[in-house]
Amino acid sequence: MAEKKNDQQAQQSEETKATAKQAPKDDKNKKESATSQVDELKAQIKDLKQQLDEKDDKYLRAEAEIQNMTTRFKKEQAQLLKYDGQDLAKSVLPVLDNLKRALTIEVTDENGKQLKKGIQMVHDHLINALTDHGITEIEAEGKPFDPTLHQAVQTVPVKDGQEADTVVQVLQAGYQLKDRVLRPAMVVVAQ
């Protein structure tokens, strides 16, 4: 029995030694495993931070684009409001030209005078309505020629008292809506 006991003790001693030898290997494996897990987690964190930075960048760019679009929309809307009625004004200008032509006709009888007075009233009301909406006639006669406001259709030699590049006659009145030219004045320029 003593031998059996010694054998058991020897066997336990060998198992203890084997376990003792295996323990450092297990600890080493656990450390390596933990290190590799930490490295994987660090890589994941780095990747997630990169993705977050990309999303932040996209978000900021989208936000800036939205602000730019809003600003552009507001500018366009302000332009539309500023020049509202431009097409209508362009359509009315030939009517105004015809009224001016009718007013240049000389009349001698009473009926003609009454008709001319009525045409003058319509002309004046139309001018007032256009002026109320920011549409004004471009002053041209006697002014220096400006190609942004005037369209030269004829040139004449300079006469006494005239300066070169000056408008001497207006063939058709020009009009502008605020600061935009609706129709340039057709003029004769002294050269």
C-alpha atoms as a PDB file:
ATOM      1  CA  MET A   1       0.000   0.000   0.000  1.00  0.00           C
ATOM      2  CA  ALA A   2       2.867   2.259   0.722  1.00  0.00           C
ATOM      3  CA  GLU A   3       4.069   1.626  -2.778  1.00  0.00           C
ATOM      4  CA  LYS A   4       0.699   2.501  -4.134  1.00  0.00           C
ATOM      5  CA  LYS A   5       0.719   5.681  -2.138  1.00  0.00           C
ATOM      6  CA  ASN A   6       4.180   6.580  -3.413  1.00  0.00           C
ATOM      7  CA  ASP A   7       3.088   5.902  -6.981  1.00  0.00           C
ATOM      8  CA  GLN A   8       0.116   8.173  -6.521  1.00  0.00           C
ATOM      9  CA  GLN A   9       2.259  10.887  -5.025  1.00  0.00           C
ATOM     10  CA  ALA A  10       4.788  10.547  -7.824  1.00  0.00           C
ATOM     11  CA  GLN A  11       1.997  10.716 -10.381  1.00  0.00           C
ATOM     12  CA  GLN A  12       0.529  13.806  -8.688  1.00  0.00           C
ATOM     13  CA  SER A  13       3.965  15.380  -8.546  1.00  0.00           C
ATOM     14  CA  GLU A  14       4.471  14.792 -12.274  1.00  0.00           C
ATOM     15  CA  GLU A  15       1.014  16.227 -13.032  1.00  0.00           C
ATOM     16  CA  THR A  16       1.818  19.264 -10.912  1.00  0.00           C
ATOM     17  CA  LYS A  17       5.102  19.727 -12.778  1.00  0.00           C
ATOM     18  CA  ALA A  18       3.341  19.333 -16.133  1.00  0.00           C
ATOM     19  CA  THR A  19       0.652  21.795 -15.073  1.00  0.00           C
ATOM     20  CA  ALA A  20       3.313  24.193 -13.855  1.00  0.00           C
ATOM     21  CA  LYS A  21       5.101  23.939 -17.206  1.00  0.00           C
ATOM     22  CA  GLN A  22       1.816  24.374 -19.068  1.00  0.00           C
ATOM     23  CA  ALA A  23       0.706  27.386 -16.974  1.00  0.00           C
ATOM     24  CA  PRO A  24       3.327  29.759 -18.373  1.00  0.00           C
ATOM     25  CA  LYS A  25       2.443  28.586 -21.879  1.00  0.00           C
ATOM     26  CA  ASP A  26      -1.249  29.220 -21.169  1.00  0.00           C
ATOM     27  CA  ASP A  27      -0.434  32.616 -19.688  1.00  0.00           C
ATOM     28  CA  LYS A  28       1.667  33.402 -22.734  1.00  0.00           C
ATOM     29  CA  ASN A  29      -1.142  32.232 -25.055  1.00  0.00           C
ATOM     30  CA  LYS A  30      -3.672  34.284 -23.088  1.00  0.00           C
ATOM     31  CA  LYS A  31      -1.431  37.372 -23.301  1.00  0.00           C
ATOM     32  CA  GLU A  32      -0.927  36.873 -27.035  1.00  0.00           C
ATOM     33  CA  SER A  33      -4.658  36.323 -27.476  1.00  0.00           C
ATOM     34  CA  ALA A  34      -5.471  39.432 -25.443  1.00  0.00           C
ATOM     35  CA  THR A  35      -2.867  41.444 -27.366  1.00  0.00           C
ATOM     36  CA  SER A  36      -4.302  40.339 -30.702  1.00  0.00           C
ATOM     37  CA  GLN A  37      -7.820  41.197 -29.496  1.00  0.00           C
ATOM     38  CA  VAL A  38      -6.639  44.631 -28.350  1.00  0.00           C
ATOM     39  CA  ASP A  39      -4.960  45.155 -31.735  1.00  0.00           C
ATOM     40  CA  GLU A  40      -8.174  44.122 -33.516  1.00  0.00           C
ATOM     41  CA  LEU A  41     -10.220  46.478 -31.341  1.00  0.00           C
ATOM     42  CA  LYS A  42      -7.755  49.313 -31.983  1.00  0.00           C
ATOM     43  CA  ALA A  43      -8.015  48.667 -35.720  1.00  0.00           C
ATOM     44  CA  GLN A  44     -11.819  48.650 -35.469  1.00  0.00           C
ATOM     45  CA  ILE A  45     -11.745  51.911 -33.496  1.00  0.00           C
ATOM     46  CA  LYS A  46      -9.430  53.489 -36.085  1.00  0.00           C
ATOM     47  CA  ASP A  47     -11.715  52.311 -38.910  1.00  0.00           C
ATOM     48  CA  LEU A  48     -14.828  53.593 -37.116  1.00  0.00           C
ATOM     49  CA  LYS A  49     -13.164  56.965 -36.464  1.00  0.00           C
ATOM     50  CA  GLN A  50     -12.264  57.193 -40.143  1.00  0.00           C
ATOM     51  CA  GLN A  51     -15.840  56.348 -41.142  1.00  0.00           C
ATOM     52  CA  LEU A  52     -17.148  58.926 -38.653  1.00  0.00           C
ATOM     53  CA  ASP A  53     -14.799  61.580 -40.051  1.00  0.00           C
ATOM     54  CA  GLU A  54     -15.996  60.778 -43.587  1.00  0.00           C
ATOM     55  CA  LYS A  55     -19.641  61.012 -42.490  1.00  0.00           C
ATOM     56  CA  ASP A  56     -18.958  64.306 -40.708  1.00  0.00           C
ATOM     57  CA  ASP A  57     -17.278  65.656 -43.846  1.00  0.00           C
ATOM     58  CA  LYS A  58     -20.206  64.555 -46.029  1.00  0.00           C
ATOM     59  CA  TYR A  59     -22.664  66.079 -43.563  1.00  0.00           C
ATOM     60  CA  LEU A  60     -20.812  69.411 -43.488  1.00  0.00           C
ATOM     61  CA  ARG A  61     -20.602  69.487 -47.274  1.00  0.00           C
ATOM     62  CA  ALA A  62     -24.311  68.710 -47.589  1.00  0.00           C
ATOM     63  CA  GLU A  63     -25.125  71.416 -45.047  1.00  0.00           C
ATOM     64  CA  ALA A  64     -23.019  73.944 -46.953  1.00  0.00           C
ATOM     65  CA  GLU A  65     -24.675  72.941 -50.237  1.00  0.00           C
ATOM     66  CA  ILE A  66     -28.115  73.419 -48.692  1.00  0.00           C
ATOM     67  CA  GLN A  67     -27.116  76.886 -47.448  1.00  0.00           C
ATOM     68  CA  ASN A  68     -25.759  77.778 -50.897  1.00  0.00           C
ATOM     69  CA  MET A  69     -28.952  76.558 -52.565  1.00  0.00           C
ATOM     70  CA  THR A  70     -31.074  78.548 -50.112  1.00  0.00           C
ATOM     71  CA  THR A  71     -29.021  81.691 -50.734  1.00  0.00           C
ATOM     72  CA  ARG A  72     -29.190  81.186 -54.501  1.00  0.00           C
ATOM     73  CA  PHE A  73     -32.955  80.619 -54.313  1.00  0.00           C
ATOM     74  CA  LYS A  74     -33.444  83.797 -52.287  1.00  0.00           C
ATOM     75  CA  LYS A  75     -31.348  85.803 -54.778  1.00  0.00           C
ATOM     76  CA  GLU A  76     -33.294  84.419 -57.724  1.00  0.00           C
ATOM     77  CA  GLN A  77     -36.575  85.143 -55.993  1.00  0.00           C
ATOM     78  CA  ALA A  78     -35.453  88.706 -55.219  1.00  0.00           C
ATOM     79  CA  GLN A  79     -34.446  89.148 -58.875  1.00  0.00           C
ATOM     80  CA  LEU A  80     -37.841  87.872 -60.002  1.00  0.00           C
ATOM     81  CA  LEU A  81     -39.609  90.270 -57.674  1.00  0.00           C
ATOM     82  CA  LYS A  82     -37.342  93.164 -58.650  1.00  0.00           C
ATOM     83  CA  TYR A  83     -37.974  92.708 -62.362  1.00  0.00           C
ATOM     84  CA  ASP A  84     -41.552  91.499 -62.058  1.00  0.00           C
ATOM     85  CA  GLY A  85     -43.635  92.721 -64.975  1.00  0.00           C
ATOM     86  CA  GLN A  86     -40.728  93.039 -67.391  1.00  0.00           C
ATOM     87  CA  ASP A  87     -42.486  91.066 -70.120  1.00  0.00           C
ATOM     88  CA  LEU A  88     -45.695  93.057 -69.688  1.00  0.00           C
ATOM     89  CA  ALA A  89     -43.757  96.304 -69.883  1.00  0.00           C
ATOM     90  CA  LYS A  90     -42.042  95.214 -73.100  1.00  0.00           C
ATOM     91  CA  SER A  91     -45.467  94.431 -74.564  1.00  0.00           C
ATOM     92  CA  VAL A  92     -46.861  97.841 -73.563  1.00  0.00           C
ATOM     93  CA  LEU A  93     -43.977  99.909 -74.993  1.00  0.00           C
ATOM     94  CA  PRO A  94     -45.212  99.739 -78.631  1.00  0.00           C
ATOM     95  CA  VAL A  95     -48.601 101.026 -77.448  1.00  0.00           C
ATOM     96  CA  LEU A  96     -46.847 103.947 -75.793  1.00  0.00           C
ATOM     97  CA  ASP A  97     -44.911 104.611 -79.020  1.00  0.00           C
ATOM     98  CA  ASN A  98     -48.164 104.725 -80.984  1.00  0.00           C
ATOM     99  CA  LEU A  99     -49.718 107.129 -78.492  1.00  0.00           C
ATOM    100  CA  LYS A 100     -46.688 109.424 -78.843  1.00  0.00           C
ATOM    101  CA  ARG A 101     -46.994 109.314 -82.637  1.00  0.00           C
ATOM    102  CA  ALA A 102     -50.699 110.174 -82.387  1.00  0.00           C
ATOM    103  CA  LEU A 103     -49.833 113.168 -80.203  1.00  0.00           C
ATOM    104  CA  THR A 104     -47.466 114.583 -82.855  1.00  0.00           C
ATOM    105  CA  ILE A 105     -50.308 114.991 -85.368  1.00  0.00           C
ATOM    106  CA  GLU A 106     -51.507 118.587 -85.743  1.00  0.00           C
ATOM    107  CA  VAL A 107     -55.281 119.047 -85.519  1.00  0.00           C
ATOM    108  CA  THR A 108     -57.312 122.153 -86.267  1.00  0.00           C
ATOM    109  CA  ASP A 109     -60.963 121.237 -85.721  1.00  0.00           C
ATOM    110  CA  GLU A 110     -62.662 120.899 -82.342  1.00  0.00           C
ATOM    111  CA  ASN A 111     -63.296 117.133 -82.620  1.00  0.00           C
ATOM    112  CA  GLY A 112     -59.611 116.504 -83.421  1.00  0.00           C
ATOM    113  CA  LYS A 113     -58.576 118.611 -80.423  1.00  0.00           C
ATOM    114  CA  GLN A 114     -60.874 116.628 -78.130  1.00  0.00           C
ATOM    115  CA  LEU A 115     -59.549 113.352 -79.513  1.00  0.00           C
ATOM    116  CA  LYS A 116     -55.960 114.533 -79.051  1.00  0.00           C
ATOM    117  CA  LYS A 117     -56.781 115.582 -75.473  1.00  0.00           C
ATOM    118  CA  GLY A 118     -58.144 112.068 -74.773  1.00  0.00           C
ATOM    119  CA  ILE A 119     -55.036 110.475 -76.285  1.00  0.00           C
ATOM    120  CA  GLN A 120     -52.868 112.768 -74.131  1.00  0.00           C
ATOM    121  CA  MET A 121     -54.740 111.655 -70.991  1.00  0.00           C
ATOM    122  CA  VAL A 122     -54.299 107.965 -71.879  1.00  0.00           C
ATOM    123  CA  HIS A 123     -50.606 108.609 -72.597  1.00  0.00           C
ATOM    124  CA  ASP A 124     -50.114 110.405 -69.278  1.00  0.00           C
ATOM    125  CA  HIS A 125     -51.887 107.664 -67.297  1.00  0.00           C
ATOM    126  CA  LEU A 126     -49.819 104.995 -68.997  1.00  0.00           C
ATOM    127  CA  ILE A 127     -46.589 106.899 -68.246  1.00  0.00           C
ATOM    128  CA  ASN A 128     -47.643 107.273 -64.592  1.00  0.00           C
ATOM    129  CA  ALA A 129     -48.491 103.561 -64.303  1.00  0.00           C
ATOM    130  CA  LEU A 130     -45.133 102.577 -65.796  1.00  0.00           C
ATOM    131  CA  THR A 131     -43.267 105.025 -63.544  1.00  0.00           C
ATOM    132  CA  ASP A 132     -45.055 103.663 -60.474  1.00  0.00           C
ATOM    133  CA  HIS A 133     -43.635 100.247 -61.333  1.00  0.00           C
ATOM    134  CA  GLY A 134     -40.068 101.480 -61.844  1.00  0.00           C
ATOM    135  CA  ILE A 135     -40.175 101.792 -65.643  1.00  0.00           C
ATOM    136  CA  THR A 136     -38.663 105.023 -66.862  1.00  0.00           C
ATOM    137  CA  GLU A 137     -37.753 106.518 -70.214  1.00  0.00           C
ATOM    138  CA  ILE A 138     -34.044 106.687 -70.990  1.00  0.00           C
ATOM    139  CA  GLU A 139     -32.981 110.288 -71.464  1.00  0.00           C
ATOM    140  CA  ALA A 140     -31.051 110.491 -74.681  1.00  0.00           C
ATOM    141  CA  GLU A 141     -31.284 113.752 -76.646  1.00  0.00           C
ATOM    142  CA  GLY A 142     -28.329 116.012 -75.942  1.00  0.00           C
ATOM    143  CA  LYS A 143     -26.652 113.349 -73.804  1.00  0.00           C
ATOM    144  CA  PRO A 144     -23.347 111.603 -74.575  1.00  0.00           C
ATOM    145  CA  PHE A 145     -23.814 108.384 -76.539  1.00  0.00           C
ATOM    146  CA  ASP A 146     -23.817 105.331 -74.235  1.00  0.00           C
ATOM    147  CA  PRO A 147     -23.906 101.961 -76.043  1.00  0.00           C
ATOM    148  CA  THR A 148     -25.457 100.299 -72.994  1.00  0.00           C
ATOM    149  CA  LEU A 149     -28.461 102.652 -73.160  1.00  0.00           C
ATOM    150  CA  HIS A 150     -28.569 103.795 -76.776  1.00  0.00           C
ATOM    151  CA  GLN A 151     -28.620 102.101 -80.159  1.00  0.00           C
ATOM    152  CA  ALA A 152     -27.104 104.282 -82.854  1.00  0.00           C
ATOM    153  CA  VAL A 153     -28.975 103.802 -86.120  1.00  0.00           C
ATOM    154  CA  GLN A 154     -27.508 106.804 -87.923  1.00  0.00           C
ATOM    155  CA  THR A 155     -24.642 109.252 -87.627  1.00  0.00           C
ATOM    156  CA  VAL A 156     -24.531 112.850 -88.820  1.00  0.00           C
ATOM    157  CA  PRO A 157     -21.662 115.343 -89.030  1.00  0.00           C
ATOM    158  CA  VAL A 158     -21.130 117.602 -86.031  1.00  0.00           C
ATOM    159  CA  LYS A 159     -22.781 121.017 -86.431  1.00  0.00           C
ATOM    160  CA  ASP A 160     -22.120 124.261 -84.572  1.00  0.00           C
ATOM    161  CA  GLY A 161     -22.745 123.939 -80.860  1.00  0.00           C
ATOM    162  CA  GLN A 162     -22.707 120.122 -80.891  1.00  0.00           C
ATOM    163  CA  GLU A 163     -20.106 117.828 -79.432  1.00  0.00           C
ATOM    164  CA  ALA A 164     -18.885 114.620 -81.030  1.00  0.00           C
ATOM    165  CA  ASP A 165     -20.502 111.386 -79.806  1.00  0.00           C
ATOM    166  CA  THR A 166     -23.615 113.215 -78.646  1.00  0.00           C
ATOM    167  CA  VAL A 167     -27.171 112.108 -79.327  1.00  0.00           C
ATOM    168  CA  VAL A 168     -28.816 114.710 -81.583  1.00  0.00           C
ATOM    169  CA  GLN A 169     -32.146 113.011 -82.289  1.00  0.00           C
ATOM    170  CA  VAL A 170     -34.218 110.214 -80.730  1.00  0.00           C
ATOM    171  CA  LEU A 171     -36.011 108.066 -83.294  1.00  0.00           C
ATOM    172  CA  GLN A 172     -37.573 105.704 -80.741  1.00  0.00           C
ATOM    173  CA  ALA A 173     -37.584 106.197 -76.983  1.00  0.00           C
ATOM    174  CA  GLY A 174     -35.767 103.666 -74.844  1.00  0.00           C
ATOM    175  CA  TYR A 175     -36.956 102.406 -71.457  1.00  0.00           C
ATOM    176  CA  GLN A 176     -35.437 100.762 -68.438  1.00  0.00           C
ATOM    177  CA  LEU A 177     -36.883  98.833 -65.508  1.00  0.00           C
ATOM    178  CA  LYS A 178     -34.976  99.996 -62.442  1.00  0.00           C
ATOM    179  CA  ASP A 179     -31.392  99.346 -63.582  1.00  0.00           C
ATOM    180  CA  ARG A 180     -32.152  96.918 -66.443  1.00  0.00           C
ATOM    181  CA  VAL A 181     -32.582  98.191 -70.003  1.00  0.00           C
ATOM    182  CA  LEU A 182     -35.877  96.963 -71.461  1.00  0.00           C
ATOM    183  CA  ARG A 183     -35.286  98.573 -74.827  1.00  0.00           C
ATOM    184  CA  PRO A 184     -32.389 100.839 -75.835  1.00  0.00           C
ATOM    185  CA  ALA A 185     -33.189 104.213 -77.337  1.00  0.00           C
ATOM    186  CA  MET A 186     -32.782 104.305 -81.133  1.00  0.00           C
ATOM    187  CA  VAL A 187     -30.798 107.467 -81.763  1.00  0.00           C
ATOM    188  CA  VAL A 188     -28.911 109.595 -84.280  1.00  0.00           C
ATOM    189  CA  VAL A 189     -25.384 110.449 -83.127  1.00  0.00           C
ATOM    190  CA  ALA A 190     -23.210 113.371 -84.129  1.00  0.00           C
ATOM    191  CA  GLN A 191     -19.726 112.293 -85.282  1.00  0.00           C
END
